[in-house]
Structure formats: C-alpha cells, structure tokens
Amino acid sequence: MAEVLEDGALYPKGRSGDIESILSLSLMDLQGRLQEGSLSPDGVLFAYMEKALEVNELLNCITDFLPECQTQLKNLDEKKKGLLYGIPVSIKDNVNYKGHDSTCGLKKFLHQPAAEDSVLVQVLKKQGAIPFVKTNVPQSLLSFDCSNPIFGQTINPHDHKRTPGGSSGGESALIASGGSVFGIGSDIGGSIRVPAAFCGICGFKPTENRLSSKGIRVSVPGQKIASAAVGPMARDVDSLALCMRALLCEDMFQLDPSVPPIPFNDEVFSSSKPLRIGYYESDDFWIPNASMKRAVMETKQLLENAGHTLVPFKPLRTQTALNELVIRGISSDDGCTLKERLKGDIIDPTLKDLLFVNTTSKILKKILYFLLKPFSPRISETLKYLDGVKSVHELWKLHAARQAYCDEYIDNWKSAKLDVLLCPEFGPALTVGYVGKVIASSSCNIIFNVLNVPSGVVPVSTVTEQDEEDLKSYVGYCNDLWDRTFKEGVSGAVGLPLAVQCVALPWQDELCLRLMKEVERVTQKKKMV
C-alpha cells in the first residue's frame, strides 16, 4: 500500500485523486469514498500529513507526529471496515497515545511516554481511524489561550495576531486550516467550545462520561465542581455525530465498564419534530458584545422562521454559581495542585494572571478585595471566593450546594417545557495575551460544566463593520477592568467567526446535536439566499 522514504515521509503508491481533491471532501464524503474503495487510506493519510505539515509551519499547532500511523495503515483490515475506516484523526496533547508524551504543556510531564493508548484512541483504531498527530495546548490546560514554554504559541488561522482559543487550541487551528478532518478535544470550562468558536468550526462537549476519559490527562485532577468531558471537533455537525456514533460502541463499553452502555440514538438526531427552544442574550454576569448578541438573535429568528418555538429563558444566578461554586470549588486546594505541577517550570506569559491569583497570600487577597470593592465590585467579589474552603466539612457542603443548584436550574428548564437551549458563545477571537485577563468571560461556558449537560458550538456569522462600530460604546457589566480588557482584546475583528452555543439536558447528547444541526441548516440556508 505504501512505502516509507529515508526521511520518514509516507509515499502512497497509486493513490486515488490528487491531494487537493481529497482535502476538499467533507468527513461524510470521505467516509463514503473510503468505504466504497474509490479512495485508498494511504492516499488520504498522505494528503493530510502533507497538509498538516504545511499548516504547522504557519500556525505552530502540532506537538507530535505519530509514526505508528504507518504501521496501522499497513494493518488495516479491508474486509472488516469500521465506521471510520482509513480516516486520519488528530488528538489533543493530553490524550494518551502509547509511546508518546501527554505533556499538558508542562515540564513535569516531559519524557514520560504513555504506557498504553487511552480508551478513545483504542476505539478509534478499532473503528479504522488513524491517529496521526497530537496538537498543542496552553500550559496546564487552564487557559483560553494556547501557549506553553515547550511548544510555544499557536496562532489563529484567521488572524495571526489572535489566539485560536484553548485549551484545545491546536485542534481547532489544525481543523480550521484543513490539516485534519476531525479531532478529539477535552473540555472543563469551555476548552472545546471556545477554540471551536474562535476558529470557526464545530465542537461538542458531551455529558461527562458519555465518552470514556480513561487515559486522558486533566488539568486539576480530583476537583468535582466542574465536570470534564472529552468530545469531537470538526468542520460540520454531521462529522461530530459520525464520531459520536463510532465511539459509542461495544468496544468502548467493554474497555471502560464505567461508561453507561448507551449507543448513539439516530432517531433523536435525525428527527424533524419542531423544538421548543429557550434562549437568552446574557447571563447577567458577563455581558456579551454586540456581535455575540447579534449571533444569538439572528439565529433565534432563523429558527423561528423554520417552525420552532423560541422562548425567553433567564439563567439562574450565574454570579452566585461562578463565585460560590466554581471559584471556591476549584480553589479548594489553595492552588496546591497547580503550584505542584508548575514547580521548577518556566511560566508562560499567558498563565501569569491565573498563577498570581492562585499563589497570592490570603492576606493580600483580602487587601485587594477591600481596595477594589468601591469601584470594581465584580472583581472584588470574585477575589473573596479565591480562599476556597477551610475544611472537608465545608467541601462536602459545597458539593451539596452544587447539586442543589443543578436541581433548581433543571427544574426551571423543565417548568418552561424546553427541549433545548440557545445561548451566546464567547467571541470573537481575542488578540494573544488578552484572554487570560478576562476570567469572567468563562461564565457562558463553565456553567454548563457545573450542570454537567451536553453543549456544543456552531459558527453562524462573522464580525461586521457595524459590530465594530457598536463595540465602541460597549461597557459590559460595569465597565470594570475585565470589561475594558475584553473590549480592547476583541477590537479590530471584522471578518472573524462568530458562533452560538446549543445545550440540552444531561444524557440528551443526541438532542443537543440535533439543535446544532438545525442551527447549521438554517444558517447555511440563509447564506444561499
């Protein structure tokens, strides 16, 4: 099928079609061509390897090439083709691949190759997919930027002065630039959704443990306030659904018995039944700019025109949830986990603000709280909760408070008789160095990790000249430092992608994807008019 040249490059013999025609195919078309045999796996892999190298030269989004893909290619079973037969796939740095590091951008994890593949990598291989690269992340994974001292800064394919988002930033940049047809990311506060939105692709965070996380390295192991999940990233919603369909199989359920054995529900995803959709423009903690609001309201109108029912929905006490649950919960160890992981490491500039608030003494935090309170109450209030909890008893009470919040939120959802929810997604992409200074912007994403509900993003528009003009009068929540920094960071973004976020109740992942598909459909229909 293929031979390896002296420099390690893969050269396919008699590949079908040229590289550009292969790269132009959607994942669904690529799958069909590989299944019928009109394209060969070696030709497809070669095309994506070449494109990935080209993209990496521009964006610095790849941390590792996986030469084992060539052995896997030779061993593909043409008589037993899995759903992803012959499809190259990229994986985020923290997804274990045997013999390769999962660094999380940290010196601590360098030269510690994984002893075995993560469960997801094993299942991808069983379905015929060929993992061929690992992609870049921010140091420690705790950032919406994408830079670390080992591999450097990844940049946004639409504007090289801007970040691709994080922590799955390498994935989003590579996929958006055509160097991968789909990839695997992870999300604990928006780490799939933010980079997907910044780069103009689709990303999906399933319910926690719908997909196995065995063999996935996380940023803050042990914390239970914000649920982490792994999920697919791709250029369209059908690709996300195909990935979920392929992974939710008997192989995964056997390899990780802790995952509920729930196959993909095609009936729900393919349904054409009108939906009752809740929506909101703002969560009253982070005030979106004009472009983010426009993306939601235009999508809301398109969905109404398509026959769906749209109902205003008021998010439940976002500021309380972010401060009293998330900030206190993640700070419960007094920053010890983060400090331990960063010990002896070079600190990336994009992480310095986070490290400061996690390592500052409690006395200094109290002083800053009182100094900021008169003119920046929102920042002051957040600082107050960085002390975390003082005992196991308090931690257990915090976990109970989180569950009570989730129950109340879902009760409100059900009282409104909603199927799904449409809401803002953070964007457009900020200039490198800004995103770490606006912690409040995470509220529109991390709240759905607290609730442990499936959520995904779909690109719907781009920033207009009018959006840029309207930004001049943006004051945000209270025109504090966070608001002013955000305004400065997103300015000059005409033409950059904008996305909306789609949400469903726990374990209704297929329904969330259904809304995402509908958003994609009505948006594309509008563009064709």
Protein backbone atom coordinates (compact mmCIF):
# COMPACT_ATOMS: atom_id res chain seq x y z
CA MET A 1 0.00 0.00 0.00
CA ALA A 2 2.75 2.44 0.88
CA GLU A 3 6.46 2.78 1.37
CA VAL A 4 8.49 4.90 3.76
CA LEU A 5 11.21 7.07 2.31
CA GLU A 6 14.56 7.66 4.02
CA ASP A 7 13.35 10.91 5.60
CA GLY A 8 10.35 9.14 7.12
CA ALA A 9 7.76 10.54 4.74
CA LEU A 10 4.95 8.33 3.59
CA TYR A 11 4.61 7.87 -0.16
CA PRO A 12 1.41 6.22 -1.35
CA LYS A 13 1.51 4.05 -4.43
CA GLY A 14 -1.25 4.73 -6.92
CA ARG A 15 -3.29 6.97 -4.64
CA SER A 16 -6.75 7.94 -5.94
CA GLY A 17 -7.13 11.59 -6.88
CA ASP A 18 -4.86 14.48 -6.03
CA ILE A 19 -4.24 15.95 -2.62
CA GLU A 20 -6.48 18.98 -3.04
CA SER A 21 -9.49 16.93 -4.10
CA ILE A 22 -9.07 14.69 -1.05
CA LEU A 23 -8.75 17.65 1.31
CA SER A 24 -11.85 19.27 -0.16
CA LEU A 25 -14.09 16.35 0.86
CA SER A 26 -16.27 16.57 3.97
CA LEU A 27 -15.82 13.81 6.52
CA MET A 28 -19.08 12.18 5.38
CA ASP A 29 -17.97 12.19 1.73
CA LEU A 30 -14.50 10.99 2.70
CA GLN A 31 -16.00 8.14 4.71
CA GLY A 32 -18.20 7.10 1.79
CA ARG A 33 -15.31 7.11 -0.68
CA LEU A 34 -13.10 5.07 1.64
CA GLN A 35 -15.86 2.57 2.38
CA GLU A 36 -16.60 2.01 -1.33
CA GLY A 37 -12.91 1.82 -2.19
CA SER A 38 -12.73 4.74 -4.64
CA LEU A 39 -10.14 6.32 -2.32
CA SER A 40 -7.28 4.46 -0.67
CA PRO A 41 -6.38 5.01 3.01
CA ASP A 42 -2.73 5.60 2.14
CA GLY A 43 -3.61 8.40 -0.29
CA VAL A 44 -5.84 10.05 2.28
CA LEU A 45 -3.28 9.79 5.07
CA PHE A 46 -0.54 11.18 2.81
CA ALA A 47 -2.74 14.12 1.84
CA TYR A 48 -3.47 15.04 5.45
CA MET A 49 0.11 14.53 6.61
CA GLU A 50 1.33 16.89 3.92
CA LYS A 51 -1.34 19.47 4.70
CA ALA A 52 -0.74 19.21 8.44
CA LEU A 53 2.97 19.90 7.94
CA GLU A 54 2.12 22.93 5.82
CA VAL A 55 -0.37 24.26 8.38
CA ASN A 56 2.01 23.68 11.27
CA GLU A 57 4.65 25.85 9.61
CA LEU A 58 2.20 28.75 9.73
CA LEU A 59 0.33 28.16 12.99
CA ASN A 60 2.56 26.01 15.25
CA CYS A 61 -0.37 23.79 16.22
CA ILE A 62 1.20 20.28 16.27
CA THR A 63 3.25 18.88 19.15
CA ASP A 64 3.96 15.38 17.87
CA PHE A 65 3.69 13.31 14.70
CA LEU A 66 2.75 9.69 15.33
CA PRO A 67 4.87 7.48 13.05
CA GLU A 68 2.95 4.42 14.29
CA CYS A 69 0.20 5.53 11.92
CA GLN A 70 2.19 3.98 9.08
CA THR A 71 2.16 0.56 10.79
CA GLN A 72 -1.54 0.91 11.49
CA LEU A 73 -2.11 1.80 7.85
CA LYS A 74 -0.46 -1.41 6.70
CA ASN A 75 -2.55 -3.46 9.14
CA LEU A 76 -5.96 -2.05 8.19
CA ASP A 77 -8.46 -4.81 7.57
CA GLU A 78 -10.13 -4.13 4.21
CA LYS A 79 -12.63 -6.94 4.82
CA LYS A 80 -13.78 -5.56 8.17
CA LYS A 81 -14.16 -1.83 7.72
CA GLY A 82 -15.12 0.13 10.81
CA LEU A 83 -17.20 3.31 10.61
CA LEU A 84 -14.03 5.43 10.45
CA TYR A 85 -12.03 3.14 8.15
CA GLY A 86 -8.95 4.91 6.78
CA ILE A 87 -9.80 8.36 8.20
CA PRO A 88 -6.87 10.33 9.69
CA VAL A 89 -7.66 11.88 13.07
CA SER A 90 -5.82 14.40 15.24
CA ILE A 91 -5.80 14.15 19.04
CA LYS A 92 -5.18 16.75 21.72
CA ASP A 93 -1.87 16.63 23.59
CA ASN A 94 -3.46 15.29 26.80
CA VAL A 95 -4.99 12.23 25.09
CA ASN A 96 -2.69 9.28 25.79
CA TYR A 97 -1.10 7.54 22.81
CA LYS A 98 1.27 4.69 23.62
CA GLY A 99 4.93 5.69 23.46
CA HIS A 100 4.25 9.43 23.33
CA ASP A 101 4.12 12.19 25.95
CA SER A 102 0.94 13.85 27.17
CA THR A 103 2.66 17.00 28.42
CA CYS A 104 -0.23 19.41 29.10
CA GLY A 105 2.46 21.96 28.19
CA LEU A 106 4.30 21.19 31.44
CA LYS A 107 7.94 20.33 32.03
CA LYS A 108 6.77 17.87 34.72
CA PHE A 109 5.27 15.54 32.11
CA LEU A 110 8.06 15.69 29.53
CA HIS A 111 9.76 12.40 28.62
CA GLN A 112 7.03 10.33 30.27
CA PRO A 113 5.56 8.41 27.34
CA ALA A 114 2.18 6.79 27.89
CA ALA A 115 2.30 3.08 28.65
CA GLU A 116 -0.84 2.42 26.61
CA ASP A 117 -3.38 4.12 24.40
CA SER A 118 -6.31 5.88 26.00
CA VAL A 119 -9.62 4.05 25.61
CA LEU A 120 -10.76 6.56 22.98
CA VAL A 121 -7.63 6.00 20.90
CA GLN A 122 -8.14 2.24 21.15
CA VAL A 123 -11.74 2.60 19.97
CA LEU A 124 -10.79 4.97 17.16
CA LYS A 125 -8.30 2.39 15.93
CA LYS A 126 -10.85 -0.41 16.18
CA GLN A 127 -13.18 1.69 14.03
CA GLY A 128 -10.41 2.05 11.43
CA ALA A 129 -9.43 5.68 12.18
CA ILE A 130 -5.73 6.54 12.03
CA PRO A 131 -4.45 8.96 14.72
CA PHE A 132 -1.53 10.75 13.09
CA VAL A 133 -0.73 13.90 15.12
CA LYS A 134 -1.06 15.36 18.61
CA THR A 135 -1.91 19.05 18.96
CA ASN A 136 -0.87 21.97 21.12
CA VAL A 137 -2.41 23.20 24.38
CA PRO A 138 -1.85 26.02 26.89
CA GLN A 139 0.43 25.34 29.84
CA SER A 140 -1.56 23.33 32.43
CA LEU A 141 -4.66 23.35 30.13
CA LEU A 142 -6.15 26.11 32.33
CA SER A 143 -6.42 28.87 29.74
CA PHE A 144 -8.43 30.01 26.73
CA ASP A 145 -5.11 30.86 25.09
CA CYS A 146 -2.79 28.27 23.53
CA SER A 147 0.84 28.71 24.51
CA ASN A 148 3.41 26.90 26.62
CA PRO A 149 7.20 27.04 27.13
CA ILE A 150 7.74 23.65 25.44
CA PHE A 151 6.00 24.12 22.10
CA GLY A 152 5.36 27.87 22.01
CA GLN A 153 2.35 29.88 20.85
CA THR A 154 -0.29 28.52 18.48
CA ILE A 155 -1.97 31.25 16.44
CA ASN A 156 -5.41 31.70 14.93
CA PRO A 157 -5.67 30.72 11.23
CA HIS A 158 -7.96 33.71 10.52
CA ASP A 159 -5.69 36.32 12.13
CA HIS A 160 -2.16 35.51 13.20
CA LYS A 161 -2.21 38.17 15.93
CA ARG A 162 -5.03 36.34 17.71
CA THR A 163 -5.32 33.21 19.78
CA PRO A 164 -7.07 30.08 18.46
CA GLY A 165 -8.55 29.61 21.94
CA GLY A 166 -7.84 26.91 24.46
CA SER A 167 -7.27 24.53 25.77
CA SER A 168 -8.00 22.53 22.58
CA GLY A 169 -6.45 25.35 20.54
CA GLY A 170 -4.09 23.22 18.49
CA GLU A 171 -7.02 21.04 17.43
CA SER A 172 -9.19 23.97 16.39
CA ALA A 173 -6.40 25.66 14.43
CA LEU A 174 -5.42 22.48 12.59
CA ILE A 175 -9.00 21.51 11.68
CA ALA A 176 -9.99 25.04 10.64
CA SER A 177 -6.96 25.17 8.33
CA GLY A 178 -7.72 21.84 6.66
CA GLY A 179 -4.86 19.89 8.26
CA SER A 180 -7.26 17.43 9.94
CA VAL A 181 -10.78 16.36 9.07
CA PHE A 182 -11.76 15.82 12.72
CA GLY A 183 -10.14 15.61 16.11
CA ILE A 184 -10.58 14.83 19.80
CA GLY A 185 -10.51 17.59 22.41
CA SER A 186 -11.39 17.92 26.09
CA ASP A 187 -13.44 20.48 28.00
CA ILE A 188 -13.66 21.51 31.66
CA GLY A 189 -14.83 25.09 31.24
CA GLY A 190 -15.12 25.70 27.51
CA SER A 191 -11.91 24.09 26.27
CA ILE A 192 -13.61 22.53 23.23
CA ARG A 193 -16.25 25.20 22.67
CA VAL A 194 -14.14 28.39 22.92
CA PRO A 195 -11.43 27.31 20.43
CA ALA A 196 -14.07 25.94 18.06
CA ALA A 197 -15.84 29.31 18.17
CA PHE A 198 -12.62 31.31 17.79
CA CYS A 199 -11.58 29.31 14.71
CA GLY A 200 -15.00 28.93 13.09
CA ILE A 201 -15.52 25.17 13.40
CA CYS A 202 -17.96 22.96 15.33
CA GLY A 203 -17.19 21.48 18.73
CA PHE A 204 -19.18 19.25 21.06
CA LYS A 205 -18.86 18.67 24.82
CA PRO A 206 -20.91 15.59 25.73
CA THR A 207 -22.34 14.77 29.13
CA GLU A 208 -19.47 13.74 31.42
CA ASN A 209 -18.63 10.05 31.00
CA ARG A 210 -20.75 9.59 27.88
CA LEU A 211 -17.34 9.01 26.29
CA SER A 212 -14.55 7.34 28.22
CA SER A 213 -12.00 9.65 29.85
CA LYS A 214 -9.70 6.76 30.80
CA GLY A 215 -6.22 7.71 29.65
CA ILE A 216 -6.99 11.45 29.35
CA ARG A 217 -4.80 13.71 31.49
CA VAL A 218 -6.79 16.53 33.13
CA SER A 219 -5.76 19.96 34.42
CA VAL A 220 -6.90 19.72 38.05
CA PRO A 221 -7.46 16.06 38.95
CA GLY A 222 -9.74 15.49 41.90
CA GLN A 223 -11.96 18.57 41.73
CA LYS A 224 -15.65 17.75 41.30
CA ILE A 225 -17.36 21.13 40.87
CA ALA A 226 -16.95 21.49 37.09
CA SER A 227 -17.31 18.23 35.18
CA ALA A 228 -14.76 17.44 32.47
CA ALA A 229 -15.58 15.70 29.22
CA VAL A 230 -13.87 14.64 26.02
CA GLY A 231 -15.53 15.24 22.68
CA PRO A 232 -15.14 15.68 18.93
CA MET A 233 -14.22 18.77 16.92
CA ALA A 234 -14.84 19.07 13.18
CA ARG A 235 -15.92 21.37 10.36
CA ASP A 236 -19.60 20.40 10.45
CA VAL A 237 -22.19 18.84 12.74
CA ASP A 238 -22.62 15.62 10.75
CA SER A 239 -18.94 14.92 11.39
CA LEU A 240 -19.45 15.31 15.15
CA ALA A 241 -22.42 12.93 15.00
CA LEU A 242 -20.43 10.36 12.99
CA CYS A 243 -17.64 10.50 15.56
CA MET A 244 -20.08 10.01 18.45
CA ARG A 245 -21.82 7.18 16.58
CA ALA A 246 -18.48 5.44 16.02
CA LEU A 247 -17.21 5.85 19.59
CA LEU A 248 -20.44 4.83 21.34
CA CYS A 249 -19.91 1.18 20.52
CA GLU A 250 -19.50 -2.13 22.29
CA ASP A 251 -15.70 -1.85 22.18
CA MET A 252 -15.77 1.30 24.34
CA PHE A 253 -18.32 -0.15 26.76
CA GLN A 254 -16.12 -3.23 27.26
CA LEU A 255 -12.83 -1.33 27.53
CA ASP A 256 -14.31 1.06 30.12
CA PRO A 257 -17.24 -0.52 32.00
CA SER A 258 -17.76 2.74 33.93
CA VAL A 259 -19.23 4.29 30.77
CA PRO A 260 -23.02 3.74 30.51
CA PRO A 261 -23.63 1.37 27.55
CA ILE A 262 -25.84 3.82 25.64
CA PRO A 263 -25.38 3.62 21.84
CA PHE A 264 -25.92 6.68 19.66
CA ASN A 265 -29.63 7.41 19.17
CA ASP A 266 -30.01 8.14 15.45
CA GLU A 267 -33.76 8.53 15.78
CA VAL A 268 -33.37 11.57 18.05
CA PHE A 269 -30.58 13.12 15.97
CA SER A 270 -32.45 12.66 12.67
CA SER A 271 -35.87 13.79 13.92
CA SER A 272 -37.61 16.69 12.16
CA LYS A 273 -40.06 17.38 15.00
CA PRO A 274 -40.25 21.13 15.85
CA LEU A 275 -38.36 22.05 19.00
CA ARG A 276 -39.23 24.28 21.94
CA ILE A 277 -36.03 26.28 22.37
CA GLY A 278 -35.14 28.56 25.25
CA TYR A 279 -32.78 31.45 24.53
CA TYR A 280 -31.02 34.36 26.20
CA GLU A 281 -28.56 37.09 25.20
CA SER A 282 -26.77 37.49 28.51
CA ASP A 283 -26.34 35.63 31.79
CA ASP A 284 -26.24 38.94 33.75
CA PHE A 285 -22.65 38.32 34.82
CA TRP A 286 -20.81 38.52 31.54
CA ILE A 287 -22.45 40.97 29.11
CA PRO A 288 -21.72 39.88 25.52
CA ASN A 289 -20.68 42.47 22.96
CA ALA A 290 -22.95 43.45 20.07
CA SER A 291 -21.64 40.77 17.71
CA MET A 292 -22.27 37.95 20.21
CA LYS A 293 -25.81 39.20 20.87
CA ARG A 294 -26.49 39.57 17.16
CA ALA A 295 -25.34 36.00 16.52
CA VAL A 296 -27.86 34.70 19.05
CA MET A 297 -30.78 36.88 17.97
CA GLU A 298 -30.32 36.28 14.24
CA THR A 299 -30.15 32.54 14.89
CA LYS A 300 -33.22 32.77 17.10
CA GLN A 301 -35.15 34.44 14.24
CA LEU A 302 -33.99 31.85 11.68
CA LEU A 303 -35.11 29.02 13.97
CA GLU A 304 -38.49 30.67 14.46
CA ASN A 305 -38.87 31.07 10.71
CA ALA A 306 -38.15 27.34 10.36
CA GLY A 307 -41.12 26.47 12.58
CA HIS A 308 -39.54 26.09 16.01
CA THR A 309 -40.86 27.78 19.16
CA LEU A 310 -38.44 30.18 20.84
CA VAL A 311 -38.98 31.06 24.49
CA PRO A 312 -37.03 33.65 26.56
CA PHE A 313 -35.13 31.95 29.39
CA LYS A 314 -33.44 33.53 32.39
CA PRO A 315 -30.24 31.79 33.57
CA LEU A 316 -30.19 31.03 37.28
CA ARG A 317 -27.94 33.19 39.50
CA THR A 318 -24.84 32.95 37.32
CA GLN A 319 -22.73 35.19 39.55
CA THR A 320 -23.55 33.09 42.60
CA ALA A 321 -22.75 29.87 40.74
CA LEU A 322 -19.47 31.18 39.34
CA ASN A 323 -18.17 32.64 42.61
CA GLU A 324 -19.63 30.47 45.37
CA LEU A 325 -19.41 27.16 43.49
CA VAL A 326 -16.79 27.32 40.71
CA ILE A 327 -14.21 29.72 42.15
CA ARG A 328 -14.47 28.25 45.67
CA GLY A 329 -14.51 24.70 44.36
CA ILE A 330 -11.51 24.94 42.05
CA SER A 331 -9.61 26.89 44.74
CA SER A 332 -10.36 24.31 47.43
CA ASP A 333 -6.80 23.00 47.42
CA ASP A 334 -5.42 26.56 47.80
CA GLY A 335 -3.85 26.24 44.37
CA CYS A 336 -1.57 23.40 45.53
CA THR A 337 -2.22 21.15 42.51
CA LEU A 338 -1.38 23.91 40.04
CA LYS A 339 1.68 25.05 42.03
CA GLU A 340 2.91 21.46 42.26
CA ARG A 341 2.58 20.97 38.51
CA LEU A 342 4.36 24.24 37.73
CA LYS A 343 7.19 23.77 40.25
CA GLY A 344 10.54 24.42 38.58
CA ASP A 345 8.88 25.25 35.25
CA ILE A 346 9.14 28.37 33.13
CA ILE A 347 5.82 30.19 33.47
CA ASP A 348 4.21 31.03 30.16
CA PRO A 349 3.18 34.71 29.92
CA THR A 350 -0.43 33.72 29.14
CA LEU A 351 -0.68 31.91 32.51
CA LYS A 352 0.80 34.58 34.77
CA ASP A 353 -2.52 36.18 35.76
CA LEU A 354 -4.02 32.82 36.74
CA LEU A 355 -0.91 31.87 38.68
CA PHE A 356 -0.94 35.21 40.51
CA VAL A 357 -4.47 34.78 41.83
CA ASN A 358 -3.73 31.16 42.81
CA THR A 359 -0.47 31.85 44.64
CA THR A 360 -1.16 35.23 46.25
CA SER A 361 -1.37 35.06 50.04
CA LYS A 362 -4.79 35.16 51.67
CA ILE A 363 -3.89 38.40 53.42
CA LEU A 364 -3.06 40.12 50.12
CA LYS A 365 -6.28 38.78 48.58
CA LYS A 366 -8.27 40.33 51.44
CA ILE A 367 -6.47 43.64 50.98
CA LEU A 368 -7.19 43.60 47.24
CA TYR A 369 -10.82 42.71 47.97
CA PHE A 370 -11.33 45.84 50.09
CA LEU A 371 -9.34 48.10 47.74
CA LEU A 372 -11.29 47.03 44.65
CA LYS A 373 -14.73 46.86 46.23
CA PRO A 374 -15.70 50.56 45.79
CA PHE A 375 -15.00 50.80 42.05
CA SER A 376 -14.91 47.18 40.79
CA PRO A 377 -17.37 45.15 42.88
CA ARG A 378 -17.49 42.20 40.47
CA ILE A 379 -13.72 41.59 40.54
CA SER A 380 -13.65 42.23 44.29
CA GLU A 381 -16.43 39.68 44.86
CA THR A 382 -14.59 37.03 42.84
CA LEU A 383 -11.37 37.60 44.82
CA LYS A 384 -13.27 36.93 48.04
CA TYR A 385 -14.03 33.36 46.98
CA LEU A 386 -10.47 32.50 45.93
CA ASP A 387 -9.83 31.39 49.53
CA GLY A 388 -11.65 28.16 48.68
CA VAL A 389 -12.87 26.08 51.62
CA LYS A 390 -11.36 25.61 55.05
CA SER A 391 -12.31 22.01 55.83
CA VAL A 392 -13.61 18.74 54.42
CA HIS A 393 -16.93 19.58 56.05
CA GLU A 394 -17.12 22.81 54.01
CA LEU A 395 -16.14 20.95 50.84
CA TRP A 396 -18.94 18.44 51.30
CA LYS A 397 -21.37 21.30 51.86
CA LEU A 398 -20.08 22.89 48.65
CA HIS A 399 -20.73 19.67 46.71
CA ALA A 400 -24.25 19.56 48.14
CA ALA A 401 -24.78 23.21 47.15
CA ARG A 402 -23.68 22.41 43.63
CA GLN A 403 -26.20 19.59 43.39
CA ALA A 404 -28.96 21.82 44.74
CA TYR A 405 -28.09 24.47 42.14
CA CYS A 406 -28.18 21.88 39.33
CA ASP A 407 -31.55 20.58 40.52
CA GLU A 408 -33.05 24.08 40.66
CA TYR A 409 -31.68 25.03 37.24
CA ILE A 410 -33.10 21.90 35.64
CA ASP A 411 -36.42 22.40 37.42
CA ASN A 412 -36.64 25.89 35.88
CA TRP A 413 -35.79 24.40 32.49
CA LYS A 414 -38.49 21.75 32.80
CA SER A 415 -41.04 24.26 34.12
CA ALA A 416 -40.55 26.23 30.91
CA LYS A 417 -41.12 22.97 28.97
CA LEU A 418 -37.91 23.46 26.98
CA ASP A 419 -36.33 20.83 24.76
CA VAL A 420 -33.04 22.65 24.31
CA LEU A 421 -31.33 26.00 24.92
CA LEU A 422 -29.71 28.55 22.56
CA CYS A 423 -27.24 30.95 24.16
CA PRO A 424 -24.15 33.09 23.50
CA GLU A 425 -20.69 31.74 22.89
CA PHE A 426 -17.57 33.70 23.80
CA GLY A 427 -16.08 35.51 20.83
CA PRO A 428 -14.72 36.70 18.52
CA ALA A 429 -11.12 35.55 18.99
CA LEU A 430 -9.06 37.86 21.19
CA THR A 431 -5.59 39.16 20.47
CA VAL A 432 -2.92 36.93 22.02
CA GLY A 433 -2.30 37.79 25.67
CA TYR A 434 -5.74 39.20 26.49
CA VAL A 435 -7.91 36.19 27.15
CA GLY A 436 -6.21 35.24 30.42
CA LYS A 437 -7.10 38.63 31.87
CA VAL A 438 -10.89 38.27 31.50
CA ILE A 439 -11.80 35.38 33.81
CA ALA A 440 -15.45 36.46 33.91
CA SER A 441 -15.83 35.56 30.23
CA SER A 442 -15.79 31.88 31.16
CA SER A 443 -19.26 32.16 32.73
CA CYS A 444 -21.12 31.42 29.48
CA ASN A 445 -19.26 28.11 29.16
CA ILE A 446 -18.30 26.78 32.56
CA ILE A 447 -21.86 26.97 33.87
CA PHE A 448 -22.68 24.00 31.62
CA ASN A 449 -19.77 22.05 33.09
CA VAL A 450 -21.21 22.72 36.55
CA LEU A 451 -24.61 21.49 35.34
CA ASN A 452 -22.96 18.56 33.51
CA VAL A 453 -25.09 19.00 30.40
CA PRO A 454 -24.10 18.44 26.75
CA SER A 455 -23.28 21.62 24.87
CA GLY A 456 -21.75 22.48 21.54
CA VAL A 457 -20.94 25.42 19.29
CA VAL A 458 -21.78 26.12 15.67
CA PRO A 459 -20.38 29.03 13.61
CA VAL A 460 -23.22 31.23 12.36
CA SER A 461 -21.77 34.57 11.28
CA THR A 462 -18.74 36.85 11.14
CA VAL A 463 -18.00 40.21 12.74
CA THR A 464 -19.30 43.11 10.66
CA GLU A 465 -18.25 46.75 10.34
CA GLN A 466 -21.41 47.67 12.26
CA ASP A 467 -20.44 45.27 15.07
CA GLU A 468 -17.07 47.02 15.25
CA GLU A 469 -18.77 50.41 15.39
CA ASP A 470 -21.14 49.21 18.14
CA LEU A 471 -18.18 47.90 20.14
CA LYS A 472 -17.04 51.48 20.72
CA SER A 473 -19.96 52.03 23.10
CA TYR A 474 -19.56 48.67 24.90
CA VAL A 475 -19.37 48.99 28.70
CA GLY A 476 -20.17 45.39 29.60
CA TYR A 477 -21.29 44.52 33.11
CA CYS A 478 -19.97 47.57 34.92
CA ASN A 479 -17.16 48.95 32.74
CA ASP A 480 -14.58 47.44 35.09
CA LEU A 481 -11.10 46.18 34.21
CA TRP A 482 -12.48 42.91 32.82
CA ASP A 483 -14.93 44.72 30.55
CA ARG A 484 -12.34 47.19 29.29
CA THR A 485 -9.76 44.45 28.68
CA PHE A 486 -12.30 42.35 26.77
CA LYS A 487 -13.26 45.36 24.63
CA GLU A 488 -9.63 46.01 23.77
CA GLY A 489 -8.90 42.33 23.11
CA VAL A 490 -11.76 41.77 20.63
CA SER A 491 -11.43 45.06 18.76
CA GLY A 492 -10.44 45.04 15.09
CA ALA A 493 -12.11 41.67 14.47
CA VAL A 494 -14.10 42.39 11.28
CA GLY A 495 -14.49 39.14 9.31
CA LEU A 496 -13.67 36.81 12.21
CA PRO A 497 -16.05 33.91 13.04
CA LEU A 498 -18.94 34.13 15.49
CA ALA A 499 -20.70 31.11 16.97
CA VAL A 500 -23.70 30.27 19.14
CA GLN A 501 -23.93 27.64 21.84
CA CYS A 502 -26.52 24.84 21.90
CA VAL A 503 -27.39 22.98 25.11
CA ALA A 504 -29.55 20.03 26.17
CA LEU A 505 -30.32 18.26 29.45
CA PRO A 506 -27.96 15.57 30.86
CA TRP A 507 -27.61 12.46 28.67
CA GLN A 508 -29.59 14.07 25.84
CA ASP A 509 -26.45 14.45 23.75
CA GLU A 510 -28.17 13.50 20.51
CA LEU A 511 -30.81 16.18 21.08
CA CYS A 512 -28.08 18.77 21.55
CA LEU A 513 -26.51 17.66 18.27
CA ARG A 514 -29.96 17.84 16.67
CA LEU A 515 -30.24 21.53 17.62
CA MET A 516 -26.70 22.13 16.40
CA LYS A 517 -27.59 20.53 13.06
CA GLU A 518 -30.72 22.67 12.80
CA VAL A 519 -28.74 25.84 13.55
CA GLU A 520 -26.23 24.84 10.88
CA ARG A 521 -29.01 24.13 8.38
CA VAL A 522 -30.92 27.41 8.81
CA THR A 523 -27.68 29.40 8.81
CA GLN A 524 -26.46 27.81 5.58
CA LYS A 525 -29.89 28.25 4.01
CA LYS A 526 -29.76 31.97 4.76
CA LYS A 527 -26.31 32.25 3.14
CA MET A 528 -27.64 30.67 -0.07
CA VAL A 529 -30.49 33.18 -0.40
